[in-house]
Amino acid sequence: MAIASPVKCHSSSPPPVLITAGVIASELGQPIHRVVRVLATRPWIKPAALAGRIRLFDRRAIEQVRAELVAIDRRRVPLGQGGAA
């Protein structure tokens, strides 16, 4: 009885590079707590994969998080220009 040779799977594209919330925070120059909060409260920014409990995101997530942080900062009232006196 002959042993079959293993099936070789040739992928034409490299595997996707996935990143963590910490990498996103580092690339955006933001504190990690801001990035984690955006990722936790925006259901449309979905992880591309899970590694145990770690959520891994694709490169599109960086721009999505950046847009959300810009929107948050735009809504924020500058210090001394609002609120109760």
PDB file of N, CA and C in Angstrom:
ATOM      1  N   MET A   1       0.848  -1.183   0.000  1.00  0.00           N
ATOM      2  CA  MET A   1       0.000   0.000   0.000  1.00  0.00           C
ATOM      3  C   MET A   1       0.889   1.238   0.000  1.00  0.00           C
ATOM      4  N   ALA A   2       0.633   2.141  -0.912  1.00  0.00           N
ATOM      5  CA  ALA A   2       1.439   3.352  -1.047  1.00  0.00           C
ATOM      6  C   ALA A   2       0.867   4.467  -0.177  1.00  0.00           C
ATOM      7  N   ILE A   3       1.747   5.316   0.292  1.00  0.00           N
ATOM      8  CA  ILE A   3       1.326   6.464   1.104  1.00  0.00           C
ATOM      9  C   ILE A   3       1.144   7.658   0.171  1.00  0.00           C
ATOM     10  N   ALA A   4      -0.002   8.283   0.283  1.00  0.00           N
ATOM     11  CA  ALA A   4      -0.296   9.440  -0.569  1.00  0.00           C
ATOM     12  C   ALA A   4       0.529  10.631  -0.117  1.00  0.00           C
ATOM     13  N   SER A   5       1.006  11.368  -1.072  1.00  0.00           N
ATOM     14  CA  SER A   5       1.771  12.565  -0.729  1.00  0.00           C
ATOM     15  C   SER A   5       0.814  13.659  -0.260  1.00  0.00           C
ATOM     16  N   PRO A   6       1.284  14.523   0.645  1.00  0.00           N
ATOM     17  CA  PRO A   6       0.393  15.579   1.151  1.00  0.00           C
ATOM     18  C   PRO A   6      -0.031  16.527   0.025  1.00  0.00           C
ATOM     19  N   VAL A   7      -1.223  17.031   0.151  1.00  0.00           N
ATOM     20  CA  VAL A   7      -1.748  17.969  -0.825  1.00  0.00           C
ATOM     21  C   VAL A   7      -1.081  19.312  -0.595  1.00  0.00           C
ATOM     22  N   LYS A   8      -0.535  19.877  -1.650  1.00  0.00           N
ATOM     23  CA  LYS A   8       0.107  21.185  -1.532  1.00  0.00           C
ATOM     24  C   LYS A   8      -0.894  22.257  -1.931  1.00  0.00           C
ATOM     25  N   CYS A   9      -1.039  23.198  -1.062  1.00  0.00           N
ATOM     26  CA  CYS A   9      -1.974  24.291  -1.320  1.00  0.00           C
ATOM     27  C   CYS A   9      -1.156  25.551  -1.583  1.00  0.00           C
ATOM     28  N   HIS A  10      -1.224  26.026  -2.789  1.00  0.00           N
ATOM     29  CA  HIS A  10      -0.492  27.242  -3.139  1.00  0.00           C
ATOM     30  C   HIS A  10      -1.463  28.409  -3.162  1.00  0.00           C
ATOM     31  N   SER A  11      -1.217  29.321  -2.283  1.00  0.00           N
ATOM     32  CA  SER A  11      -2.046  30.519  -2.227  1.00  0.00           C
ATOM     33  C   SER A  11      -1.391  31.599  -3.074  1.00  0.00           C
ATOM     34  N   SER A  12      -2.181  32.290  -3.853  1.00  0.00           N
ATOM     35  CA  SER A  12      -1.625  33.335  -4.710  1.00  0.00           C
ATOM     36  C   SER A  12      -1.370  34.632  -3.952  1.00  0.00           C
ATOM     37  N   SER A  13      -1.967  34.768  -2.779  1.00  0.00           N
ATOM     38  CA  SER A  13      -1.758  35.989  -2.006  1.00  0.00           C
ATOM     39  C   SER A  13      -1.252  35.621  -0.611  1.00  0.00           C
ATOM     40  N   PRO A  14      -0.445  36.488  -0.021  1.00  0.00           N
ATOM     41  CA  PRO A  14       0.058  36.206   1.324  1.00  0.00           C
ATOM     42  C   PRO A  14      -1.082  36.295   2.338  1.00  0.00           C
ATOM     43  N   PRO A  15      -0.897  35.682   3.496  1.00  0.00           N
ATOM     44  CA  PRO A  15      -1.947  35.773   4.516  1.00  0.00           C
ATOM     45  C   PRO A  15      -2.130  37.219   4.965  1.00  0.00           C
ATOM     46  N   PRO A  16      -3.331  37.594   5.386  1.00  0.00           N
ATOM     47  CA  PRO A  16      -3.560  38.982   5.803  1.00  0.00           C
ATOM     48  C   PRO A  16      -2.786  39.310   7.078  1.00  0.00           C
ATOM     49  N   VAL A  17      -2.358  40.542   7.172  1.00  0.00           N
ATOM     50  CA  VAL A  17      -1.673  41.010   8.371  1.00  0.00           C
ATOM     51  C   VAL A  17      -2.747  41.583   9.290  1.00  0.00           C
ATOM     52  N   LEU A  18      -2.875  40.992  10.455  1.00  0.00           N
ATOM     53  CA  LEU A  18      -3.885  41.436  11.413  1.00  0.00           C
ATOM     54  C   LEU A  18      -3.198  42.124  12.579  1.00  0.00           C
ATOM     55  N   ILE A  19      -3.879  43.122  13.144  1.00  0.00           N
ATOM     56  CA  ILE A  19      -3.283  43.944  14.189  1.00  0.00           C
ATOM     57  C   ILE A  19      -4.203  44.020  15.400  1.00  0.00           C
ATOM     58  N   THR A  20      -3.615  44.334  16.535  1.00  0.00           N
ATOM     59  CA  THR A  20      -4.365  44.460  17.785  1.00  0.00           C
ATOM     60  C   THR A  20      -4.754  45.915  18.028  1.00  0.00           C
ATOM     61  N   ALA A  21      -5.570  46.122  19.039  1.00  0.00           N
ATOM     62  CA  ALA A  21      -5.965  47.482  19.416  1.00  0.00           C
ATOM     63  C   ALA A  21      -4.747  48.300  19.819  1.00  0.00           C
ATOM     64  N   GLY A  22      -3.763  47.671  20.429  1.00  0.00           N
ATOM     65  CA  GLY A  22      -2.544  48.370  20.822  1.00  0.00           C
ATOM     66  C   GLY A  22      -1.760  48.894  19.626  1.00  0.00           C
ATOM     67  N   VAL A  23      -1.719  48.111  18.559  1.00  0.00           N
ATOM     68  CA  VAL A  23      -1.031  48.546  17.348  1.00  0.00           C
ATOM     69  C   VAL A  23      -1.783  49.718  16.719  1.00  0.00           C
ATOM     70  N   ILE A  24      -3.108  49.631  16.713  1.00  0.00           N
ATOM     71  CA  ILE A  24      -3.918  50.733  16.180  1.00  0.00           C
ATOM     72  C   ILE A  24      -3.641  52.007  16.974  1.00  0.00           C
ATOM     73  N   ALA A  25      -3.637  51.898  18.304  1.00  0.00           N
ATOM     74  CA  ALA A  25      -3.366  53.062  19.157  1.00  0.00           C
ATOM     75  C   ALA A  25      -1.985  53.636  18.868  1.00  0.00           C
ATOM     76  N   SER A  26      -1.012  52.772  18.705  1.00  0.00           N
ATOM     77  CA  SER A  26       0.350  53.224  18.424  1.00  0.00           C
ATOM     78  C   SER A  26       0.430  53.942  17.080  1.00  0.00           C
ATOM     79  N   GLU A  27      -0.198  53.389  16.058  1.00  0.00           N
ATOM     80  CA  GLU A  27      -0.146  54.005  14.732  1.00  0.00           C
ATOM     81  C   GLU A  27      -0.886  55.341  14.688  1.00  0.00           C
ATOM     82  N   LEU A  28      -1.923  55.480  15.507  1.00  0.00           N
ATOM     83  CA  LEU A  28      -2.681  56.726  15.534  1.00  0.00           C
ATOM     84  C   LEU A  28      -2.118  57.727  16.539  1.00  0.00           C
ATOM     85  N   GLY A  29      -1.184  57.293  17.376  1.00  0.00           N
ATOM     86  CA  GLY A  29      -0.625  58.184  18.391  1.00  0.00           C
ATOM     87  C   GLY A  29      -1.647  58.542  19.463  1.00  0.00           C
ATOM     88  N   GLN A  30      -2.521  57.600  19.781  1.00  0.00           N
ATOM     89  CA  GLN A  30      -3.585  57.825  20.755  1.00  0.00           C
ATOM     90  C   GLN A  30      -3.398  56.886  21.945  1.00  0.00           C
ATOM     91  N   PRO A  31      -3.912  57.285  23.119  1.00  0.00           N
ATOM     92  CA  PRO A  31      -3.887  56.364  24.260  1.00  0.00           C
ATOM     93  C   PRO A  31      -4.744  55.131  23.946  1.00  0.00           C
ATOM     94  N   ILE A  32      -4.303  53.989  24.434  1.00  0.00           N
ATOM     95  CA  ILE A  32      -5.004  52.755  24.109  1.00  0.00           C
ATOM     96  C   ILE A  32      -6.440  52.760  24.625  1.00  0.00           C
ATOM     97  N   HIS A  33      -6.696  53.428  25.753  1.00  0.00           N
ATOM     98  CA  HIS A  33      -8.051  53.415  26.299  1.00  0.00           C
ATOM     99  C   HIS A  33      -9.052  54.067  25.344  1.00  0.00           C
ATOM    100  N   ARG A  34      -8.633  55.060  24.585  1.00  0.00           N
ATOM    101  CA  ARG A  34      -9.535  55.689  23.609  1.00  0.00           C
ATOM    102  C   ARG A  34      -9.859  54.731  22.466  1.00  0.00           C
ATOM    103  N   VAL A  35      -8.845  54.047  21.982  1.00  0.00           N
ATOM    104  CA  VAL A  35      -9.042  53.106  20.877  1.00  0.00           C
ATOM    105  C   VAL A  35      -9.909  51.937  21.320  1.00  0.00           C
ATOM    106  N   VAL A  36      -9.629  51.392  22.499  1.00  0.00           N
ATOM    107  CA  VAL A  36     -10.426  50.265  23.011  1.00  0.00           C
ATOM    108  C   VAL A  36     -11.880  50.682  23.188  1.00  0.00           C
ATOM    109  N   ARG A  37     -12.109  51.894  23.675  1.00  0.00           N
ATOM    110  CA  ARG A  37     -13.482  52.384  23.860  1.00  0.00           C
ATOM    111  C   ARG A  37     -14.207  52.495  22.517  1.00  0.00           C
ATOM    112  N   VAL A  38     -13.542  53.032  21.505  1.00  0.00           N
ATOM    113  CA  VAL A  38     -14.149  53.139  20.172  1.00  0.00           C
ATOM    114  C   VAL A  38     -14.471  51.750  19.639  1.00  0.00           C
ATOM    115  N   LEU A  39     -13.533  50.817  19.753  1.00  0.00           N
ATOM    116  CA  LEU A  39     -13.759  49.465  19.245  1.00  0.00           C
ATOM    117  C   LEU A  39     -14.894  48.761  19.984  1.00  0.00           C
ATOM    118  N   ALA A  40     -15.045  49.060  21.268  1.00  0.00           N
ATOM    119  CA  ALA A  40     -16.090  48.409  22.070  1.00  0.00           C
ATOM    120  C   ALA A  40     -17.474  48.992  21.819  1.00  0.00           C
ATOM    121  N   THR A  41     -17.544  50.257  21.381  1.00  0.00           N
ATOM    122  CA  THR A  41     -18.849  50.914  21.260  1.00  0.00           C
ATOM    123  C   THR A  41     -19.297  51.131  19.823  1.00  0.00           C
ATOM    124  N   ARG A  42     -18.491  50.727  18.863  1.00  0.00           N
ATOM    125  CA  ARG A  42     -18.873  50.863  17.440  1.00  0.00           C
ATOM    126  C   ARG A  42     -19.006  49.470  16.847  1.00  0.00           C
ATOM    127  N   PRO A  43     -20.229  48.941  16.801  1.00  0.00           N
ATOM    128  CA  PRO A  43     -20.397  47.553  16.335  1.00  0.00           C
ATOM    129  C   PRO A  43     -20.029  47.349  14.870  1.00  0.00           C
ATOM    130  N   TRP A  44     -19.947  48.415  14.088  1.00  0.00           N
ATOM    131  CA  TRP A  44     -19.607  48.263  12.680  1.00  0.00           C
ATOM    132  C   TRP A  44     -18.101  48.084  12.464  1.00  0.00           C
ATOM    133  N   ILE A  45     -17.298  48.332  13.494  1.00  0.00           N
ATOM    134  CA  ILE A  45     -15.860  48.050  13.391  1.00  0.00           C
ATOM    135  C   ILE A  45     -15.664  46.660  13.997  1.00  0.00           C
ATOM    136  N   LYS A  46     -15.650  45.672  13.127  1.00  0.00           N
ATOM    137  CA  LYS A  46     -15.620  44.281  13.571  1.00  0.00           C
ATOM    138  C   LYS A  46     -14.201  43.703  13.456  1.00  0.00           C
ATOM    139  N   PRO A  47     -13.845  42.836  14.395  1.00  0.00           N
ATOM    140  CA  PRO A  47     -12.547  42.170  14.266  1.00  0.00           C
ATOM    141  C   PRO A  47     -12.549  41.232  13.061  1.00  0.00           C
ATOM    142  N   ALA A  48     -11.405  41.100  12.432  1.00  0.00           N
ATOM    143  CA  ALA A  48     -11.265  40.185  11.294  1.00  0.00           C
ATOM    144  C   ALA A  48     -11.067  38.754  11.779  1.00  0.00           C
ATOM    145  N   ALA A  49     -10.539  38.610  13.003  1.00  0.00           N
ATOM    146  CA  ALA A  49     -10.289  37.279  13.552  1.00  0.00           C
ATOM    147  C   ALA A  49     -10.158  37.384  15.064  1.00  0.00           C
ATOM    148  N   LEU A  50     -10.252  36.253  15.714  1.00  0.00           N
ATOM    149  CA  LEU A  50     -10.041  36.159  17.152  1.00  0.00           C
ATOM    150  C   LEU A  50      -8.905  35.183  17.403  1.00  0.00           C
ATOM    151  N   ALA A  51      -8.038  35.508  18.338  1.00  0.00           N
ATOM    152  CA  ALA A  51      -6.981  34.607  18.783  1.00  0.00           C
ATOM    153  C   ALA A  51      -7.156  34.467  20.286  1.00  0.00           C
ATOM    154  N   GLY A  52      -7.930  33.483  20.687  1.00  0.00           N
ATOM    155  CA  GLY A  52      -8.316  33.378  22.085  1.00  0.00           C
ATOM    156  C   GLY A  52      -9.282  34.504  22.394  1.00  0.00           C
ATOM    157  N   ARG A  53      -8.921  35.353  23.336  1.00  0.00           N
ATOM    158  CA  ARG A  53      -9.759  36.516  23.654  1.00  0.00           C
ATOM    159  C   ARG A  53      -9.278  37.784  22.963  1.00  0.00           C
ATOM    160  N   ILE A  54      -8.215  37.687  22.221  1.00  0.00           N
ATOM    161  CA  ILE A  54      -7.636  38.848  21.544  1.00  0.00           C
ATOM    162  C   ILE A  54      -8.373  39.085  20.231  1.00  0.00           C
ATOM    163  N   ARG A  55      -8.852  40.312  20.046  1.00  0.00           N
ATOM    164  CA  ARG A  55      -9.506  40.673  18.788  1.00  0.00           C
ATOM    165  C   ARG A  55      -8.444  41.217  17.838  1.00  0.00           C
ATOM    166  N   LEU A  56      -8.434  40.692  16.634  1.00  0.00           N
ATOM    167  CA  LEU A  56      -7.468  41.120  15.622  1.00  0.00           C
ATOM    168  C   LEU A  56      -8.208  41.827  14.500  1.00  0.00           C
ATOM    169  N   PHE A  57      -7.666  42.943  14.074  1.00  0.00           N
ATOM    170  CA  PHE A  57      -8.329  43.787  13.083  1.00  0.00           C
ATOM    171  C   PHE A  57      -7.475  43.877  11.827  1.00  0.00           C
ATOM    172  N   ASP A  58      -8.127  44.169  10.706  1.00  0.00           N
ATOM    173  CA  ASP A  58      -7.383  44.401   9.472  1.00  0.00           C
ATOM    174  C   ASP A  58      -7.016  45.883   9.393  1.00  0.00           C
ATOM    175  N   ARG A  59      -6.285  46.243   8.353  1.00  0.00           N
ATOM    176  CA  ARG A  59      -5.783  47.614   8.232  1.00  0.00           C
ATOM    177  C   ARG A  59      -6.896  48.648   8.065  1.00  0.00           C
ATOM    178  N   ARG A  60      -8.057  48.239   7.559  1.00  0.00           N
ATOM    179  CA  ARG A  60      -9.171  49.190   7.410  1.00  0.00           C
ATOM    180  C   ARG A  60      -9.620  49.747   8.750  1.00  0.00           C
ATOM    181  N   ALA A  61      -9.459  48.972   9.809  1.00  0.00           N
ATOM    182  CA  ALA A  61      -9.900  49.400  11.138  1.00  0.00           C
ATOM    183  C   ALA A  61      -9.157  50.650  11.601  1.00  0.00           C
ATOM    184  N   ILE A  62      -7.920  50.828  11.157  1.00  0.00           N
ATOM    185  CA  ILE A  62      -7.162  52.021  11.562  1.00  0.00           C
ATOM    186  C   ILE A  62      -7.884  53.278  11.098  1.00  0.00           C
ATOM    187  N   GLU A  63      -8.285  53.295   9.844  1.00  0.00           N
ATOM    188  CA  GLU A  63      -8.978  54.475   9.322  1.00  0.00           C
ATOM    189  C   GLU A  63     -10.356  54.637   9.941  1.00  0.00           C
ATOM    190  N   GLN A  64     -11.042  53.536  10.220  1.00  0.00           N
ATOM    191  CA  GLN A  64     -12.352  53.631  10.861  1.00  0.00           C
ATOM    192  C   GLN A  64     -12.225  54.212  12.265  1.00  0.00           C
ATOM    193  N   VAL A  65     -11.235  53.752  13.017  1.00  0.00           N
ATOM    194  CA  VAL A  65     -11.023  54.272  14.372  1.00  0.00           C
ATOM    195  C   VAL A  65     -10.592  55.729  14.297  1.00  0.00           C
ATOM    196  N   ARG A  66      -9.709  56.059  13.356  1.00  0.00           N
ATOM    197  CA  ARG A  66      -9.268  57.453  13.194  1.00  0.00           C
ATOM    198  C   ARG A  66     -10.471  58.364  12.941  1.00  0.00           C
ATOM    199  N   ALA A  67     -11.375  57.946  12.062  1.00  0.00           N
ATOM    200  CA  ALA A  67     -12.558  58.760  11.749  1.00  0.00           C
ATOM    201  C   ALA A  67     -13.438  58.938  12.983  1.00  0.00           C
ATOM    202  N   GLU A  68     -13.600  57.891  13.767  1.00  0.00           N
ATOM    203  CA  GLU A  68     -14.423  57.989  14.978  1.00  0.00           C
ATOM    204  C   GLU A  68     -13.783  58.920  16.005  1.00  0.00           C
ATOM    205  N   LEU A  69     -12.466  58.839  16.172  1.00  0.00           N
ATOM    206  CA  LEU A  69     -11.786  59.715  17.134  1.00  0.00           C
ATOM    207  C   LEU A  69     -11.857  61.177  16.694  1.00  0.00           C
ATOM    208  N   VAL A  70     -11.751  61.430  15.399  1.00  0.00           N
ATOM    209  CA  VAL A  70     -11.886  62.793  14.881  1.00  0.00           C
ATOM    210  C   VAL A  70     -13.291  63.313  15.153  1.00  0.00           C
ATOM    211  N   ALA A  71     -14.300  62.461  14.946  1.00  0.00           N
ATOM    212  CA  ALA A  71     -15.684  62.871  15.200  1.00  0.00           C
ATOM    213  C   ALA A  71     -15.900  63.168  16.683  1.00  0.00           C
ATOM    214  N   ILE A  72     -15.320  62.356  17.556  1.00  0.00           N
ATOM    215  CA  ILE A  72     -15.439  62.590  19.000  1.00  0.00           C
ATOM    216  C   ILE A  72     -14.796  63.929  19.354  1.00  0.00           C
ATOM    217  N   ASP A  73     -13.594  64.163  18.853  1.00  0.00           N
ATOM    218  CA  ASP A  73     -12.888  65.413  19.160  1.00  0.00           C
ATOM    219  C   ASP A  73     -13.628  66.625  18.609  1.00  0.00           C
ATOM    220  N   ARG A  74     -14.263  66.472  17.467  1.00  0.00           N
ATOM    221  CA  ARG A  74     -15.018  67.581  16.873  1.00  0.00           C
ATOM    222  C   ARG A  74     -16.240  67.944  17.729  1.00  0.00           C
ATOM    223  N   ARG A  75     -16.861  66.940  18.336  1.00  0.00           N
ATOM    224  CA  ARG A  75     -18.048  67.196  19.170  1.00  0.00           C
ATOM    225  C   ARG A  75     -17.685  67.767  20.530  1.00  0.00           C
ATOM    226  N   ARG A  76     -16.461  67.586  20.946  1.00  0.00           N
ATOM    227  CA  ARG A  76     -16.027  68.028  22.256  1.00  0.00           C
ATOM    228  C   ARG A  76     -15.999  69.541  22.344  1.00  0.00           C
ATOM    229  N   VAL A  77     -16.463  70.086  23.450  1.00  0.00           N
ATOM    230  CA  VAL A  77     -16.456  71.536  23.674  1.00  0.00           C
ATOM    231  C   VAL A  77     -15.078  71.908  24.224  1.00  0.00           C
ATOM    232  N   PRO A  78     -14.406  72.883  23.624  1.00  0.00           N
ATOM    233  CA  PRO A  78     -13.088  73.300  24.129  1.00  0.00           C
ATOM    234  C   PRO A  78     -13.179  73.751  25.587  1.00  0.00           C
ATOM    235  N   LEU A  79     -12.124  73.497  26.334  1.00  0.00           N
ATOM    236  CA  LEU A  79     -12.055  73.839  27.745  1.00  0.00           C
ATOM    237  C   LEU A  79     -12.299  75.340  27.933  1.00  0.00           C
ATOM    238  N   GLY A  80     -13.211  75.693  28.829  1.00  0.00           N
ATOM    239  CA  GLY A  80     -13.493  77.080  29.115  1.00  0.00           C
ATOM    240  C   GLY A  80     -14.528  77.711  28.174  1.00  0.00           C
ATOM    241  N   GLN A  81     -15.074  76.941  27.244  1.00  0.00           N
ATOM    242  CA  GLN A  81     -16.045  77.508  26.300  1.00  0.00           C
ATOM    243  C   GLN A  81     -17.423  76.865  26.416  1.00  0.00           C
ATOM    244  N   GLY A  82     -17.742  76.326  27.525  1.00  0.00           N
ATOM    245  CA  GLY A  82     -19.072  75.732  27.655  1.00  0.00           C
ATOM    246  C   GLY A  82     -19.313  75.224  29.050  1.00  0.00           C
ATOM    247  N   GLY A  83     -20.476  74.672  29.240  1.00  0.00           N
ATOM    248  CA  GLY A  83     -20.826  74.133  30.548  1.00  0.00           C
ATOM    249  C   GLY A  83     -21.287  75.209  31.513  1.00  0.00           C
ATOM    250  N   ALA A  84     -21.474  74.795  32.738  1.00  0.00           N
ATOM    251  CA  ALA A  84     -21.944  75.725  33.766  1.00  0.00           C
ATOM    252  C   ALA A  84     -20.796  76.623  34.229  1.00  0.00           C
ATOM    253  N   ALA A  85     -21.143  77.824  34.598  1.00  0.00           N
ATOM    254  CA  ALA A  85     -20.132  78.790  35.031  1.00  0.00           C
ATOM    255  C   ALA A  85     -19.793  78.618  36.473  1.00  0.00           C
TER     256      ALA A  85
END
